[in-house]
Protein backbone atom coordinates (compact mmCIF):
# COMPACT_ATOMS: atom_id res chain seq x y z
CA MET A 1 25.61 -20.36 10.75
CA GLU A 2 29.34 -20.18 11.40
CA ASN A 3 30.34 -19.09 14.87
CA ASN A 4 32.06 -15.98 13.58
CA ASN A 5 31.81 -12.40 14.82
CA GLU A 6 33.62 -10.88 11.83
CA VAL A 7 31.44 -8.23 10.17
CA LEU A 8 31.60 -8.88 6.43
CA LEU A 9 29.15 -6.18 5.29
CA LYS A 10 28.32 -2.95 7.08
CA VAL A 11 25.62 -0.59 5.82
CA GLU A 12 25.67 2.81 7.50
CA HIS A 13 22.85 5.37 7.15
CA LEU A 14 22.18 4.28 3.57
CA CYS A 15 19.95 6.64 1.57
CA GLN A 16 18.92 6.06 -2.03
CA TYR A 17 16.78 8.83 -3.54
CA PHE A 18 15.46 9.07 -7.09
CA ARG A 19 14.37 12.30 -8.75
CA LEU A 20 10.65 12.29 -9.55
CA GLY A 21 9.70 15.59 -11.17
CA ARG A 22 10.64 18.28 -8.67
CA LYS A 23 10.63 15.94 -5.70
CA ASP A 24 12.84 13.15 -4.41
CA LEU A 25 11.45 9.63 -4.09
CA LYS A 26 13.07 8.25 -0.94
CA ALA A 27 13.35 4.58 -1.93
CA VAL A 28 15.75 3.87 0.97
CA ASP A 29 15.99 6.35 3.83
CA ASP A 30 18.65 6.09 6.56
CA VAL A 31 19.00 2.29 6.74
CA SER A 32 21.78 0.71 8.83
CA PHE A 33 22.66 -2.92 9.53
CA GLU A 34 25.58 -5.36 9.67
CA ILE A 35 25.96 -8.89 8.30
CA LYS A 36 28.51 -11.24 9.86
CA ARG A 37 30.57 -13.73 7.88
CA GLY A 38 28.66 -16.98 7.28
CA GLU A 39 25.35 -15.44 8.32
CA SER A 40 22.07 -15.43 6.39
CA PHE A 41 20.39 -12.06 6.84
CA GLY A 42 16.77 -11.74 5.73
CA LEU A 43 15.32 -8.45 4.50
CA VAL A 44 11.51 -8.42 4.35
CA GLY A 45 8.67 -6.02 3.64
CA GLU A 46 5.90 -5.37 1.16
CA SER A 47 6.50 -4.54 -2.51
CA GLY A 48 7.98 -1.08 -2.96
CA CYS A 49 9.44 -0.79 0.56
CA GLY A 50 13.04 -0.50 -0.69
CA LYS A 51 14.35 -4.06 -0.21
CA THR A 52 15.57 -4.57 -3.78
CA THR A 53 16.94 -1.02 -3.98
CA THR A 54 18.98 -1.70 -0.84
CA GLY A 55 20.49 -4.83 -2.44
CA ARG A 56 21.22 -3.07 -5.72
CA SER A 57 22.81 -0.13 -3.89
CA ILE A 58 25.11 -2.46 -1.95
CA ILE A 59 26.35 -4.15 -5.12
CA LYS A 60 26.88 -0.73 -6.77
CA LEU A 61 24.21 -1.01 -9.45
CA TYR A 62 23.21 2.43 -8.15
CA ASN A 63 25.44 5.23 -6.89
CA ILE A 64 24.10 5.79 -3.37
CA THR A 65 22.74 9.21 -2.41
CA SER A 66 24.28 9.29 1.05
CA GLY A 67 25.64 6.96 3.71
CA ASN A 68 28.38 4.33 3.51
CA VAL A 69 28.71 0.67 2.54
CA TYR A 70 31.72 -1.30 3.84
CA PHE A 71 32.72 -4.76 2.63
CA LYS A 72 35.55 -6.62 4.41
CA GLY A 73 36.39 -3.34 6.17
CA GLN A 74 36.80 -1.32 2.95
CA ARG A 75 34.36 1.35 1.85
CA ILE A 76 32.84 0.29 -1.49
CA GLY A 77 30.00 2.80 -1.59
CA ALA A 78 29.74 6.37 -0.33
CA GLY A 79 27.15 9.08 -0.85
CA THR A 80 27.83 12.81 -0.77
CA ARG A 81 24.40 14.38 -0.33
CA SER A 82 24.47 14.41 3.49
CA TYR A 83 27.74 16.38 3.41
CA LYS A 84 26.35 18.89 0.87
CA GLU A 85 23.19 19.35 2.93
CA ALA A 86 25.31 19.85 6.07
CA ILE A 87 27.20 22.67 4.31
CA LYS A 88 23.96 24.29 3.14
CA ARG A 89 22.44 24.04 6.63
CA ALA A 90 25.57 25.44 8.32
CA ARG A 91 25.67 28.41 5.92
CA ALA A 92 22.00 29.20 6.58
CA GLU A 93 22.45 28.98 10.37
CA THR A 94 25.60 31.11 10.23
CA LYS A 95 23.85 33.76 8.12
CA ALA A 96 20.96 33.94 10.59
CA GLU A 97 23.40 34.24 13.50
CA ILE A 98 25.41 36.99 11.79
CA ASP A 99 22.22 38.93 10.86
CA LYS A 100 21.14 38.79 14.50
CA LEU A 101 24.53 40.11 15.66
CA LYS A 102 24.44 42.95 13.09
CA ALA A 103 21.01 44.00 14.35
CA ASP A 104 22.34 44.22 17.91
CA GLU A 105 25.66 45.96 17.44
CA THR A 106 28.18 45.95 20.28
CA PRO A 107 31.92 46.68 20.34
CA GLU A 108 32.61 42.95 20.13
CA THR A 109 30.30 42.37 17.13
CA LYS A 110 32.98 42.43 14.42
CA GLU A 111 35.20 40.09 16.40
CA LYS A 112 32.31 37.63 16.98
CA ILE A 113 31.31 37.72 13.29
CA ALA A 114 34.90 37.06 12.21
CA LYS A 115 35.10 34.10 14.60
CA ILE A 116 31.78 32.64 13.34
CA LYS A 117 32.91 33.00 9.72
CA ALA A 118 36.22 31.29 10.49
CA GLU A 119 34.39 28.40 12.19
CA LEU A 120 32.08 28.09 9.15
CA ALA A 121 35.03 28.05 6.75
CA GLU A 122 36.67 25.29 8.81
CA TYR A 123 33.46 23.25 8.90
CA VAL A 124 32.85 23.64 5.14
CA ALA A 125 36.45 22.62 4.39
CA GLU A 126 35.97 19.46 6.50
CA GLN A 127 32.73 18.54 4.69
CA LYS A 128 34.34 19.16 1.27
CA LYS A 129 37.20 16.91 2.30
CA ARG A 130 34.68 14.16 3.13
CA ILE A 131 32.98 14.67 -0.26
CA ALA A 132 36.32 14.30 -2.05
CA GLU A 133 37.14 11.14 -0.05
CA ALA A 134 33.70 9.66 -0.82
CA LYS A 135 34.11 10.31 -4.56
CA HIS A 136 37.60 8.80 -4.49
CA ASP A 137 36.43 5.66 -2.68
CA ASN A 138 33.49 5.25 -5.09
CA ASN A 139 35.76 5.42 -8.11
CA HIS A 140 38.61 3.28 -6.78
CA VAL A 141 36.94 0.09 -5.55
CA PRO A 142 39.17 -2.87 -6.50
CA ARG A 143 37.40 -5.09 -9.05
CA ASP A 144 38.50 -8.28 -7.30
CA LEU A 145 36.83 -7.00 -4.09
CA ILE A 146 33.46 -6.11 -5.61
CA THR A 147 33.30 -9.41 -7.53
CA LYS A 148 33.28 -11.13 -4.12
CA ILE A 149 29.64 -9.96 -3.91
CA GLN A 150 27.30 -11.54 -6.49
CA MET A 151 23.56 -11.12 -7.03
CA ILE A 152 20.79 -13.56 -7.89
CA PHE A 153 17.98 -11.63 -9.54
CA GLN A 154 14.24 -12.00 -9.01
CA ASP A 155 13.16 -12.68 -12.59
CA PRO A 156 15.06 -15.64 -14.07
CA ILE A 157 13.77 -14.83 -17.56
CA ALA A 158 14.67 -11.13 -17.71
CA SER A 159 18.07 -11.61 -16.04
CA LEU A 160 19.39 -14.05 -18.68
CA ASP A 161 20.39 -12.89 -22.19
CA PRO A 162 18.22 -14.94 -24.62
CA ARG A 163 20.91 -14.72 -27.34
CA MET A 164 23.62 -16.33 -25.21
CA THR A 165 24.08 -20.01 -24.48
CA VAL A 166 24.18 -21.20 -20.87
CA ARG A 167 27.94 -21.70 -21.29
CA ASP A 168 28.40 -18.06 -22.34
CA ILE A 169 26.13 -16.75 -19.56
CA ILE A 170 27.99 -18.58 -16.80
CA ALA A 171 31.46 -17.95 -18.27
CA GLU A 172 30.91 -14.22 -18.90
CA GLY A 173 32.11 -13.14 -15.44
CA LEU A 174 35.24 -15.28 -15.71
CA ILE A 175 36.09 -13.79 -19.11
CA ILE A 176 35.49 -10.22 -17.89
CA ASN A 177 37.94 -10.90 -15.06
CA GLY A 178 40.66 -11.81 -17.54
CA ILE A 179 40.52 -15.62 -17.68
CA LYS A 180 41.32 -16.79 -21.23
CA ASP A 181 41.99 -20.52 -20.86
CA LYS A 182 39.00 -22.10 -22.68
CA LYS A 183 39.62 -25.54 -21.20
CA TYR A 184 39.60 -24.12 -17.66
CA ILE A 185 36.47 -22.07 -18.39
CA ASN A 186 34.61 -25.09 -19.79
CA GLU A 187 35.55 -27.26 -16.81
CA LYS A 188 34.36 -24.54 -14.40
CA VAL A 189 31.06 -24.24 -16.30
CA TYR A 190 30.48 -28.01 -16.24
CA GLU A 191 31.42 -28.21 -12.58
CA ILE A 192 29.09 -25.41 -11.52
CA LEU A 193 26.20 -26.75 -13.63
CA GLU A 194 26.40 -30.06 -11.77
CA THR A 195 26.70 -28.21 -8.46
CA VAL A 196 23.34 -26.46 -9.02
CA GLY A 197 21.57 -29.62 -10.15
CA LEU A 198 21.89 -29.36 -13.94
CA VAL A 199 24.01 -31.42 -16.34
CA ARG A 200 26.89 -30.49 -18.64
CA GLU A 201 24.76 -31.12 -21.74
CA HIS A 202 22.76 -28.03 -20.78
CA ALA A 203 25.78 -25.80 -21.47
CA ASP A 204 25.03 -25.41 -25.20
CA ARG A 205 21.32 -24.68 -24.84
CA TYR A 206 19.60 -21.28 -24.68
CA PRO A 207 17.55 -19.89 -21.74
CA HIS A 208 14.18 -20.31 -23.50
CA GLU A 209 14.70 -24.09 -23.53
CA PHE A 210 14.50 -24.29 -19.75
CA SER A 211 11.75 -24.11 -17.13
CA GLY A 212 11.57 -21.25 -14.60
CA GLY A 213 13.26 -23.30 -11.89
CA GLN A 214 16.06 -24.36 -14.22
CA ARG A 215 16.60 -20.76 -15.34
CA GLN A 216 16.95 -19.70 -11.73
CA ARG A 217 19.53 -22.46 -11.22
CA ILE A 218 21.46 -20.98 -14.17
CA GLY A 219 21.28 -17.56 -12.47
CA ILE A 220 22.61 -19.12 -9.26
CA ALA A 221 25.39 -20.85 -11.22
CA ARG A 222 26.37 -17.54 -12.84
CA ALA A 223 26.74 -16.00 -9.36
CA VAL A 224 28.51 -18.92 -7.67
CA VAL A 225 31.06 -19.51 -10.47
CA MET A 226 32.76 -16.26 -9.42
CA GLN A 227 33.60 -17.85 -6.03
CA PRO A 228 31.95 -15.02 -4.08
CA GLU A 229 32.05 -14.56 -0.33
CA MET A 230 28.60 -13.00 -0.30
CA ILE A 231 25.41 -13.55 -2.28
CA ILE A 232 22.55 -11.06 -2.51
CA ALA A 233 19.46 -13.14 -3.34
CA ASP A 234 16.75 -10.73 -4.53
CA GLU A 235 13.44 -12.60 -4.10
CA PRO A 236 14.94 -15.62 -5.90
CA ILE A 237 11.79 -17.77 -5.59
CA SER A 238 8.91 -15.27 -6.00
CA ALA A 239 8.66 -15.84 -9.78
CA LEU A 240 8.68 -19.65 -9.46
CA ASP A 241 5.94 -22.26 -9.03
CA VAL A 242 5.31 -23.25 -5.41
CA SER A 243 6.47 -26.81 -6.17
CA ILE A 244 9.86 -25.48 -7.33
CA GLN A 245 10.37 -22.88 -4.59
CA ALA A 246 11.42 -25.41 -1.94
CA GLN A 247 13.98 -26.97 -4.32
CA VAL A 248 15.65 -23.60 -4.98
CA ILE A 249 15.64 -22.65 -1.26
CA ASN A 250 17.21 -26.01 -0.37
CA LEU A 251 19.82 -25.52 -3.11
CA LEU A 252 20.73 -22.07 -1.73
CA ASN A 253 20.95 -23.49 1.78
CA ASP A 254 23.17 -26.32 0.57
CA LEU A 255 25.48 -23.94 -1.32
CA ARG A 256 25.64 -21.63 1.68
CA ASN A 257 26.82 -24.44 3.95
CA ARG A 258 29.09 -26.12 1.40
CA LEU A 259 30.81 -22.97 0.12
CA GLY A 260 30.71 -20.94 3.35
CA LEU A 261 28.66 -18.17 1.76
CA THR A 262 27.22 -15.13 3.50
CA VAL A 263 23.71 -14.37 2.21
CA LEU A 264 21.50 -11.28 2.11
CA PHE A 265 18.12 -12.87 1.41
CA ILE A 266 15.48 -10.41 0.17
CA ALA A 267 11.86 -11.58 0.22
CA HIS A 268 8.31 -10.65 1.18
CA ASP A 269 7.35 -14.13 2.44
CA LEU A 270 8.15 -14.16 6.16
CA SER A 271 7.68 -17.91 6.56
CA VAL A 272 10.41 -18.56 3.95
CA VAL A 273 12.69 -15.96 5.51
CA LYS A 274 12.25 -17.54 8.95
CA TYR A 275 13.37 -20.91 7.56
CA PHE A 276 16.39 -19.49 5.73
CA SER A 277 17.64 -16.58 7.87
CA ASP A 278 19.56 -16.19 11.12
CA ARG A 279 18.52 -12.56 11.57
CA ILE A 280 15.73 -10.57 9.95
CA GLY A 281 15.35 -6.87 9.14
CA VAL A 282 11.85 -5.54 8.44
CA MET A 283 11.48 -2.59 6.04
CA TYR A 284 8.54 -0.25 5.57
CA PHE A 285 8.40 2.74 3.24
CA GLY A 286 12.17 2.97 2.86
CA LYS A 287 12.90 2.64 6.59
CA MET A 288 14.20 -0.28 8.64
CA VAL A 289 11.51 -0.57 11.34
CA GLU A 290 12.68 -3.67 13.21
CA LEU A 291 15.73 -5.93 13.33
CA ALA A 292 16.21 -9.04 15.45
CA SER A 293 17.19 -12.69 15.30
CA SER A 294 14.71 -14.87 13.42
CA GLU A 295 13.56 -16.62 16.59
CA GLU A 296 13.23 -13.37 18.56
CA LEU A 297 11.30 -11.55 15.82
CA PHE A 298 8.66 -14.28 15.53
CA LYS A 299 8.46 -14.80 19.29
CA ASN A 300 8.42 -11.15 20.34
CA PRO A 301 7.53 -8.70 17.52
CA LEU A 302 7.34 -5.10 18.78
CA HIS A 303 6.73 -2.75 15.86
CA PRO A 304 3.06 -2.71 14.74
CA TYR A 305 4.06 -3.21 11.08
CA THR A 306 5.97 -6.40 11.98
CA LYS A 307 2.90 -7.63 13.86
CA SER A 308 0.80 -6.90 10.77
CA LEU A 309 3.17 -8.89 8.54
CA LEU A 310 3.22 -11.84 10.93
CA SER A 311 -0.56 -11.88 11.19
CA ALA A 312 -0.77 -12.27 7.40
CA ILE A 313 1.09 -15.61 7.38
CA PRO A 314 -1.50 -18.33 6.61
CA LEU A 315 -1.48 -21.55 8.62
CA PRO A 316 -2.60 -24.95 7.25
CA ASP A 317 -5.48 -25.12 9.72
CA PRO A 318 -8.93 -24.27 8.28
CA ILE A 319 -10.55 -23.92 11.71
CA TYR A 320 -7.87 -21.49 12.92
CA GLU A 321 -7.94 -19.54 9.64
CA LYS A 322 -11.72 -19.04 9.89
CA GLN A 323 -11.33 -17.32 13.26
CA HIS A 324 -8.00 -15.63 12.52
CA VAL A 325 -8.13 -11.82 12.35
CA ARG A 326 -5.47 -9.99 10.34
CA ILE A 327 -3.83 -6.99 11.98
CA THR A 328 -3.99 -3.85 9.84
CA TYR A 329 -1.14 -1.35 10.08
CA ASN A 330 -2.08 2.33 9.90
CA PRO A 331 1.03 4.48 10.53
CA ILE A 332 -0.98 7.69 11.01
CA ALA A 333 -3.05 6.13 13.79
CA GLU A 334 -0.18 4.15 15.32
CA HIS A 335 2.46 6.88 15.66
CA ASP A 336 2.64 10.52 16.75
CA TYR A 337 5.95 11.89 15.50
CA SER A 338 4.87 15.57 15.46
CA THR A 339 7.19 16.53 18.34
CA ASP A 340 8.92 13.37 19.56
CA MET A 341 10.98 12.19 16.57
CA PRO A 342 11.83 8.50 16.04
CA SER A 343 15.17 6.77 15.54
CA PHE A 344 16.47 3.19 15.34
CA ARG A 345 16.93 2.02 18.94
CA GLU A 346 18.03 -1.15 20.74
CA ILE A 347 15.17 -2.35 22.97
CA LEU A 348 16.80 -5.67 23.87
CA PRO A 349 20.35 -6.86 23.11
CA GLY A 350 20.33 -7.37 19.33
CA HIS A 351 16.66 -6.35 18.97
CA PHE A 352 16.26 -2.92 17.34
CA VAL A 353 13.04 -0.98 16.66
CA TYR A 354 12.33 2.32 14.89
CA CYS A 355 10.57 4.34 17.59
CA ASN A 356 10.48 7.58 19.60
CA ASP A 357 10.95 8.06 23.36
CA ALA A 358 7.35 7.27 24.27
CA GLU A 359 7.28 4.13 22.10
CA GLU A 360 10.64 2.98 23.42
CA LYS A 361 9.30 3.19 26.97
CA LYS A 362 6.16 1.25 25.95
CA TYR A 363 8.14 -1.48 24.15
CA LYS A 364 10.48 -1.95 27.12
CA GLU A 365 7.47 -2.26 29.44
CA ILE A 366 6.00 -4.93 27.13
CA VAL A 367 9.29 -6.84 27.10
CA ASN A 368 9.67 -6.61 30.90
CA SER A 369 6.10 -7.78 31.56
CA GLU A 370 6.51 -10.75 29.21
CA THR A 371 9.82 -11.66 30.88
CA GLN A 372 8.16 -11.62 34.31
CA ASN A 373 5.23 -13.74 33.09
CA ASN A 374 7.61 -16.34 31.68
């Protein structure tokens, strides 16, 4: 990883809700993290925890429900729901306060009510201003900025148009961005094909003529040809044979180092993420439950869900595996959030855990006791 403290991507209280009947499905719920330039940031968790939705929200495939996404210091995604809910909540609280004052009339009642109403009007105007700014920022993201983030999709078959040649697939982004010089486009296509381990003769073939690993290399080529600063790799090896997975991971690592890429690596295989990532964020049920450096997370996991994930990693030792007991995570049994509500807190420098006051105290005691023992 480059020794660089510049924050390239900042995700702030990201929420992504989908309407399911009369209820909201909270696919991503109040997730925050930063990725520094040149860093590889791993995002892990079981299927359905919100990893892919987080990646797709960052790259603007979805309009986010609330929160903010900043890239190179500029807001590229902004949700409005939190502001609308704040207005609704303030109006309800103000109404209750005014009703209470009316029930207990005093000479100063009218003056107090007028003051409360004025404060509400000021607050609502401020929230509406934020809504307008969010909508403006969403609709005025410079194209050349957003193209600096590219995505590698999970399924190499579904993500490639079967009616387009490899040349057309890779060149599509260049053409969309206004490049018309066919000679330049062809040279870029040939160059990038060789960069990802294919040959220029592959340019005139169709996706169905390739193996899964080769298709994923085409997907990587399509992303890299745009000369991005950041790549979002959405489980890029989960659909591939085990024998091919290492080749694709090594290719991504090589491209990251050679091109100076910043990577958000989404996966459910913690052993792969440990190899590839500098820092790791663990997601469960739409929440970020733990975030730490790769080494720290494996050495000192604190959240019970992280411990459960780590216990599920198989080791190539039959004797150990026979005796190994998997840790089961039961959130109802593990946490009591009925009165003491949780939030994302820093337990150690750079090590964050989703916990309440009681859990924070317990985690700090664990950390201190382990420090003393070492």
